[in-house]
Amino acid sequence: MAIRLPPLNGLRAFEAAARHLSFQKAAEELHVTPAAISHQVKGLEEHLGVQLFRRGNRVLELTDAAKLCLPKLREGFDCLREAMERLRSEEDTTTLEVRVAPSLAAKWLMPRLHRFISAHPAIDVRISADTQLIDLSERSAPGGKEQSTRAGDADLCIRFGAGHYPGYRVEKLFDVSLLPMCSPKLLEGEHAIRSPEDLRHHTLLHDDVVYFEHGGSNWEVWLNAAGVESVDAARGAHFNHTALALEAAVDGSGVVLATPIVAAPDLASGRLVRPFALSLPSDFAYYVISPESRADAPAIALLRNWLLDEADRDHEPAPTGVAETHRE
């Protein structure tokens, strides 16, 4: 048979009075009168059938029974306080599910995300790197059909595409441009890159993300714009992630056509240089999108505005080092 627990107010009054050995101080702590403390303790003693205090002139002493139960009672109150703190903490924490294309997550978002986390510790940001956040087959849907987001249950996505996402709040994060990049060591030696025609001596590294709505491959579009006919735009190695193509370029495996936004850490460190000035704007851009139904939720709006502010602070890094001497 379950034991009926005594009234919580009586236990609180007893614990406070036992700690202070004073009904007056217990009353001050619990914001009641000394008479109320005395009444609650007396009710607890009657419920338990045990005397808890010896009352004398201005002296309050614990009985042996009270001394015996007091440590466990205090432990119980400590556990109760801890449980309430955990509950409050859970209520104060907001979780945001964020989906980002893998290369942008690794090269742009992660190096700066610590600033948002430090400024907003109550927001639990969960990043999912998702290859489905890039528009490919949907980029020129016949009849002008809107693009599907494939955003799932995410609170916010950073997506590369044309920006038509019905049912979602859409903000442009930044425009995208493409230009060749390579390891500094390819600017030296027998086949040093001096002009776009020199690319015929080097492997073309293909980022298979589509940046131009019409025309051939990314390299074909750039070489045509550069007026180069002596380089086969179809040859070379292909990569399904921009970050992989960039790493191959850093290793000196060839020349990659990439966006300075994603390559910024490698350009800043000198691991990559930009041998030519010709930069082509992409037909697509990066967008911050969130479901319209909850786009104005405080935490989502806070993260969205932070991302837009970070993008505004970024500018394409100027060519550095030896690459600058070979700009056209």
Protein backbone atom coordinates (compact mmCIF):
# COMPACT_ATOMS: atom_id res chain seq x y z
CA MET A 1 0.00 0.00 0.00
CA ALA A 2 1.38 3.39 -1.00
CA ILE A 3 2.28 5.73 1.82
CA ARG A 4 0.43 9.03 1.64
CA LEU A 5 2.95 11.85 1.48
CA PRO A 6 2.61 14.73 3.95
CA PRO A 7 1.69 18.24 2.72
CA LEU A 8 4.55 19.91 0.80
CA ASN A 9 4.02 23.22 2.63
CA GLY A 10 4.50 21.48 5.94
CA LEU A 11 7.73 19.87 4.76
CA ARG A 12 9.03 23.21 3.44
CA ALA A 13 8.20 24.94 6.72
CA PHE A 14 9.90 22.21 8.74
CA GLU A 15 13.04 22.18 6.58
CA ALA A 16 13.42 25.97 6.74
CA ALA A 17 12.76 26.11 10.48
CA ALA A 18 15.21 23.24 11.07
CA ARG A 19 17.89 24.96 9.03
CA HIS A 20 17.53 28.26 10.89
CA LEU A 21 16.37 26.81 14.22
CA SER A 22 13.92 29.70 14.16
CA PHE A 23 10.29 30.05 13.11
CA GLN A 24 10.88 33.78 12.60
CA LYS A 25 13.74 33.33 10.10
CA ALA A 26 11.90 30.50 8.35
CA ALA A 27 8.88 32.80 7.98
CA GLU A 28 11.04 35.54 6.46
CA GLU A 29 12.56 33.11 3.97
CA LEU A 30 9.20 31.71 2.88
CA HIS A 31 7.39 35.08 3.01
CA VAL A 32 4.77 34.01 5.55
CA THR A 33 4.14 34.80 9.21
CA PRO A 34 5.81 32.93 12.11
CA ALA A 35 2.34 31.77 13.14
CA ALA A 36 1.87 30.17 9.72
CA ILE A 37 5.20 28.30 10.07
CA SER A 38 4.22 27.08 13.53
CA HIS A 39 0.80 25.95 12.24
CA GLN A 40 2.32 24.08 9.27
CA VAL A 41 4.93 22.34 11.42
CA LYS A 42 2.29 21.33 13.95
CA GLY A 43 0.14 19.91 11.13
CA LEU A 44 3.14 17.93 9.87
CA GLU A 45 3.83 16.53 13.33
CA GLU A 46 0.19 15.43 13.60
CA HIS A 47 0.30 13.85 10.15
CA LEU A 48 3.49 11.92 10.98
CA GLY A 49 2.63 11.24 14.61
CA VAL A 50 6.13 12.37 15.54
CA GLN A 51 7.41 15.38 17.44
CA LEU A 52 9.94 17.34 15.38
CA PHE A 53 10.90 20.25 17.67
CA ARG A 54 11.42 20.83 21.37
CA ARG A 55 10.14 24.30 22.03
CA GLY A 56 11.60 26.32 24.89
CA ASN A 57 11.94 29.97 25.81
CA ARG A 58 13.44 31.47 22.66
CA VAL A 59 15.06 28.07 21.95
CA LEU A 60 14.12 25.65 19.22
CA GLU A 61 15.76 22.23 19.18
CA LEU A 62 15.44 19.31 16.80
CA THR A 63 14.28 15.97 18.16
CA ASP A 64 16.20 12.81 17.34
CA ALA A 65 13.50 11.84 14.82
CA ALA A 66 13.86 15.21 13.09
CA LYS A 67 17.64 14.90 12.94
CA LEU A 68 17.25 11.46 11.42
CA CYS A 69 14.96 12.48 8.56
CA LEU A 70 16.33 15.97 7.84
CA PRO A 71 19.30 14.99 5.55
CA LYS A 72 17.06 12.96 3.23
CA LEU A 73 14.45 15.70 3.21
CA ARG A 74 17.07 18.27 2.18
CA GLU A 75 18.32 15.87 -0.49
CA GLY A 76 14.78 15.58 -1.80
CA PHE A 77 14.36 19.35 -2.02
CA ASP A 78 17.71 19.62 -3.80
CA CYS A 79 16.55 17.04 -6.36
CA LEU A 80 13.28 18.89 -6.81
CA ARG A 81 15.11 22.19 -7.40
CA GLU A 82 17.44 20.53 -9.92
CA ALA A 83 14.47 19.05 -11.78
CA MET A 84 12.82 22.46 -12.00
CA GLU A 85 16.05 24.07 -13.24
CA ARG A 86 16.34 21.45 -15.95
CA LEU A 87 12.74 22.02 -16.96
CA ARG A 88 13.28 25.79 -17.13
CA SER A 89 16.48 25.30 -19.12
CA GLU A 90 14.67 23.09 -21.62
CA GLU A 91 11.93 25.68 -22.03
CA ASP A 92 14.47 28.46 -22.51
CA THR A 93 16.38 26.60 -25.24
CA THR A 94 15.24 26.89 -28.84
CA THR A 95 16.38 24.29 -31.36
CA LEU A 96 16.85 25.33 -34.99
CA GLU A 97 17.24 22.77 -37.74
CA VAL A 98 19.37 24.29 -40.51
CA ARG A 99 20.13 22.67 -43.86
CA VAL A 100 23.05 23.88 -45.96
CA ALA A 101 24.82 22.63 -49.08
CA PRO A 102 27.96 20.74 -47.88
CA SER A 103 30.66 22.92 -49.46
CA LEU A 104 29.09 26.19 -48.33
CA ALA A 105 28.64 24.72 -44.85
CA ALA A 106 32.30 23.68 -44.61
CA LYS A 107 33.93 26.67 -46.30
CA TRP A 108 31.68 29.60 -45.40
CA LEU A 109 29.26 28.85 -42.56
CA MET A 110 31.31 26.78 -40.12
CA PRO A 111 34.28 29.20 -39.82
CA ARG A 112 31.91 31.92 -38.56
CA LEU A 113 29.08 30.03 -36.84
CA HIS A 114 30.87 30.20 -33.48
CA ARG A 115 30.08 33.93 -33.36
CA PHE A 116 26.34 33.30 -33.52
CA ILE A 117 26.53 30.48 -30.95
CA SER A 118 28.52 32.65 -28.53
CA ALA A 119 26.09 35.54 -28.90
CA HIS A 120 22.97 33.35 -28.56
CA PRO A 121 23.74 30.37 -26.30
CA ALA A 122 20.03 29.64 -25.72
CA ILE A 123 19.61 28.75 -29.42
CA ASP A 124 20.62 25.19 -30.22
CA VAL A 125 21.68 25.22 -33.90
CA ARG A 126 21.72 21.85 -35.64
CA ILE A 127 23.42 21.86 -39.04
CA SER A 128 22.64 19.30 -41.71
CA ALA A 129 24.82 19.31 -44.84
CA ASP A 130 22.43 18.41 -47.64
CA THR A 131 23.30 17.86 -51.31
CA GLN A 132 19.63 18.28 -52.27
CA LEU A 133 19.82 22.02 -51.61
CA ILE A 134 21.21 22.73 -55.07
CA ASP A 135 18.92 23.31 -58.04
CA LEU A 136 19.96 21.27 -61.05
CA SER A 137 17.18 19.67 -63.09
CA GLU A 138 14.72 22.18 -61.65
CA ARG A 139 16.65 25.24 -62.80
CA SER A 140 14.72 25.65 -66.05
CA ALA A 141 11.43 23.90 -65.42
CA PRO A 142 9.26 23.96 -68.57
CA GLY A 143 6.39 26.40 -68.58
CA GLY A 144 7.95 28.49 -65.84
CA LYS A 145 6.97 26.05 -63.10
CA GLU A 146 8.14 26.93 -59.61
CA GLN A 147 11.02 25.02 -58.10
CA SER A 148 10.55 22.51 -55.32
CA THR A 149 12.47 23.26 -52.14
CA ARG A 150 13.01 19.77 -50.72
CA ALA A 151 13.58 21.62 -47.46
CA GLY A 152 11.82 19.01 -45.36
CA ASP A 153 11.18 20.00 -41.77
CA ALA A 154 14.13 22.41 -41.55
CA ASP A 155 13.54 25.78 -39.91
CA LEU A 156 15.94 27.45 -42.32
CA CYS A 157 17.91 26.47 -45.42
CA ILE A 158 20.70 28.09 -47.40
CA ARG A 159 19.99 27.08 -50.96
CA PHE A 160 21.73 27.65 -54.29
CA GLY A 161 19.29 28.22 -57.12
CA ALA A 162 17.02 30.66 -58.90
CA GLY A 163 15.13 31.84 -55.81
CA HIS A 164 11.59 30.71 -56.67
CA TYR A 165 10.34 28.81 -53.63
CA PRO A 166 6.59 29.09 -53.07
CA GLY A 167 5.48 28.88 -49.46
CA TYR A 168 8.87 30.05 -48.18
CA ARG A 169 10.29 33.38 -47.03
CA VAL A 170 13.17 34.00 -49.45
CA GLU A 171 16.11 36.37 -48.93
CA LYS A 172 19.13 36.53 -51.24
CA LEU A 173 22.28 35.75 -49.26
CA PHE A 174 24.77 36.65 -51.98
CA ASP A 175 25.35 36.57 -55.71
CA VAL A 176 27.84 34.12 -57.15
CA SER A 177 30.59 34.58 -59.71
CA LEU A 178 33.09 32.10 -61.16
CA LEU A 179 36.76 32.44 -62.04
CA PRO A 180 39.74 30.09 -62.33
CA MET A 181 41.83 29.27 -59.26
CA CYS A 182 44.92 27.14 -58.80
CA SER A 183 47.84 26.37 -56.54
CA PRO A 184 50.61 29.02 -56.67
CA LYS A 185 53.04 26.37 -57.90
CA LEU A 186 51.21 26.21 -61.25
CA LEU A 187 52.31 29.79 -61.90
CA GLU A 188 55.91 28.63 -62.07
CA GLY A 189 57.88 26.09 -64.07
CA GLU A 190 57.94 25.01 -67.69
CA HIS A 191 54.20 25.44 -68.27
CA ALA A 192 53.60 28.36 -65.93
CA ILE A 193 50.11 29.81 -66.30
CA ARG A 194 50.48 33.26 -67.88
CA SER A 195 47.41 33.46 -70.09
CA PRO A 196 44.16 31.49 -70.50
CA GLU A 197 45.72 29.63 -73.46
CA ASP A 198 48.21 28.09 -71.02
CA LEU A 199 45.36 26.09 -69.53
CA ARG A 200 45.87 23.56 -72.34
CA HIS A 201 48.91 22.31 -70.40
CA HIS A 202 46.93 21.72 -67.20
CA THR A 203 44.08 19.54 -66.00
CA LEU A 204 40.71 21.24 -65.80
CA LEU A 205 38.93 20.47 -62.53
CA HIS A 206 35.15 20.44 -62.95
CA ASP A 207 32.77 21.39 -60.15
CA ASP A 208 29.61 19.65 -61.39
CA VAL A 209 27.31 22.23 -59.81
CA VAL A 210 25.61 24.04 -62.70
CA TYR A 211 26.18 27.79 -62.53
CA PHE A 212 24.83 28.88 -65.95
CA GLU A 213 21.28 28.29 -67.13
CA HIS A 214 22.11 28.02 -70.81
CA GLY A 215 25.22 26.94 -72.67
CA GLY A 216 27.68 24.13 -72.12
CA SER A 217 29.76 23.19 -69.11
CA ASN A 218 31.00 25.82 -66.68
CA TRP A 219 34.48 25.68 -68.21
CA GLU A 220 33.05 25.96 -71.73
CA VAL A 221 31.18 29.13 -70.81
CA TRP A 222 34.26 30.69 -69.18
CA LEU A 223 36.66 29.76 -72.02
CA ASN A 224 34.24 31.16 -74.60
CA ALA A 225 34.05 34.41 -72.62
CA ALA A 226 37.86 34.50 -72.50
CA GLY A 227 38.06 33.98 -76.27
CA VAL A 228 40.02 30.76 -75.93
CA GLU A 229 39.57 28.07 -78.60
CA SER A 230 42.72 26.00 -78.03
CA VAL A 231 41.57 24.37 -74.76
CA ASP A 232 39.24 21.34 -74.67
CA ALA A 233 36.63 22.32 -72.08
CA ALA A 234 35.35 18.74 -71.74
CA ARG A 235 38.55 17.15 -70.49
CA GLY A 236 39.62 16.84 -66.87
CA ALA A 237 38.37 15.49 -63.55
CA HIS A 238 34.82 15.94 -62.21
CA PHE A 239 33.70 16.42 -58.60
CA ASN A 240 30.20 16.41 -57.11
CA HIS A 241 31.20 18.71 -54.23
CA THR A 242 32.83 22.11 -54.67
CA ALA A 243 35.02 21.48 -51.63
CA LEU A 244 36.51 18.38 -53.27
CA ALA A 245 37.34 20.28 -56.44
CA LEU A 246 38.97 23.02 -54.39
CA GLU A 247 41.09 20.52 -52.45
CA ALA A 248 42.28 18.99 -55.72
CA ALA A 249 43.30 22.46 -56.89
CA VAL A 250 45.10 23.16 -53.62
CA ASP A 251 47.06 19.94 -54.12
CA GLY A 252 48.20 21.18 -57.54
CA SER A 253 46.15 18.65 -59.50
CA GLY A 254 44.83 21.27 -61.90
CA VAL A 255 42.83 24.47 -62.27
CA VAL A 256 39.33 24.78 -60.83
CA LEU A 257 36.57 27.16 -61.86
CA ALA A 258 35.00 28.19 -58.57
CA THR A 259 33.37 30.99 -56.62
CA PRO A 260 35.52 33.17 -54.34
CA ILE A 261 32.79 33.00 -51.67
CA VAL A 262 33.39 29.30 -51.07
CA ALA A 263 37.13 29.49 -51.79
CA ALA A 264 37.72 32.50 -49.51
CA PRO A 265 39.65 30.58 -46.76
CA ASP A 266 42.00 29.04 -49.34
CA LEU A 267 42.50 32.36 -51.14
CA ALA A 268 43.16 34.21 -47.90
CA SER A 269 45.76 31.64 -46.81
CA GLY A 270 47.49 31.62 -50.19
CA ARG A 271 46.72 27.95 -50.79
CA LEU A 272 44.91 29.11 -53.92
CA VAL A 273 45.51 32.09 -56.20
CA ARG A 274 43.49 33.65 -59.02
CA PRO A 275 45.60 33.80 -62.20
CA PHE A 276 43.06 35.75 -64.28
CA ALA A 277 40.77 38.69 -63.66
CA LEU A 278 37.90 37.44 -65.82
CA SER A 279 34.99 36.63 -63.49
CA LEU A 280 31.60 35.50 -64.79
CA PRO A 281 28.39 36.08 -62.81
CA SER A 282 26.34 32.94 -62.29
CA ASP A 283 22.69 32.77 -63.33
CA PHE A 284 21.93 31.55 -59.81
CA ALA A 285 22.59 32.73 -56.26
CA TYR A 286 22.54 31.57 -52.64
CA TYR A 287 19.29 32.21 -50.80
CA VAL A 288 18.19 31.94 -47.18
CA ILE A 289 14.75 30.35 -47.08
CA SER A 290 12.41 29.41 -44.25
CA PRO A 291 8.78 28.23 -44.18
CA GLU A 292 6.50 31.23 -44.42
CA SER A 293 4.35 29.83 -41.62
CA ARG A 294 7.13 30.26 -39.06
CA ALA A 295 9.56 32.65 -40.75
CA ASP A 296 8.84 35.36 -38.16
CA ALA A 297 9.58 33.13 -35.16
CA PRO A 298 12.14 35.08 -33.08
CA ALA A 299 14.95 32.51 -33.25
CA ILE A 300 14.53 31.92 -37.00
CA ALA A 301 14.43 35.64 -37.72
CA LEU A 302 17.48 36.17 -35.53
CA LEU A 303 19.54 33.55 -37.39
CA ARG A 304 18.31 34.73 -40.80
CA ASN A 305 19.28 38.34 -40.06
CA TRP A 306 22.65 37.24 -38.70
CA LEU A 307 23.37 35.29 -41.90
CA LEU A 308 22.42 38.29 -44.04
CA ASP A 309 24.65 40.56 -41.94
CA GLU A 310 27.56 38.12 -42.32
CA ALA A 311 27.05 38.05 -46.10
CA ASP A 312 27.01 41.86 -46.20
CA ARG A 313 30.35 41.93 -44.41
CA ASP A 314 31.94 39.67 -47.01
CA HIS A 315 33.58 40.96 -50.13
CA GLU A 316 35.42 38.94 -52.71
CA PRO A 317 39.08 38.87 -51.63
CA ALA A 318 41.40 40.72 -53.95
CA PRO A 319 43.94 38.56 -55.82
CA THR A 320 47.04 38.11 -53.71
CA GLY A 321 50.66 37.22 -54.26
CA VAL A 322 52.05 36.14 -57.61
CA ALA A 323 48.60 35.65 -59.14
CA GLU A 324 48.02 39.39 -59.17
CA THR A 325 50.89 39.91 -61.63
CA HIS A 326 49.13 37.70 -64.17
CA ARG A 327 45.77 39.39 -64.21
CA GLU A 328 44.58 40.42 -67.66
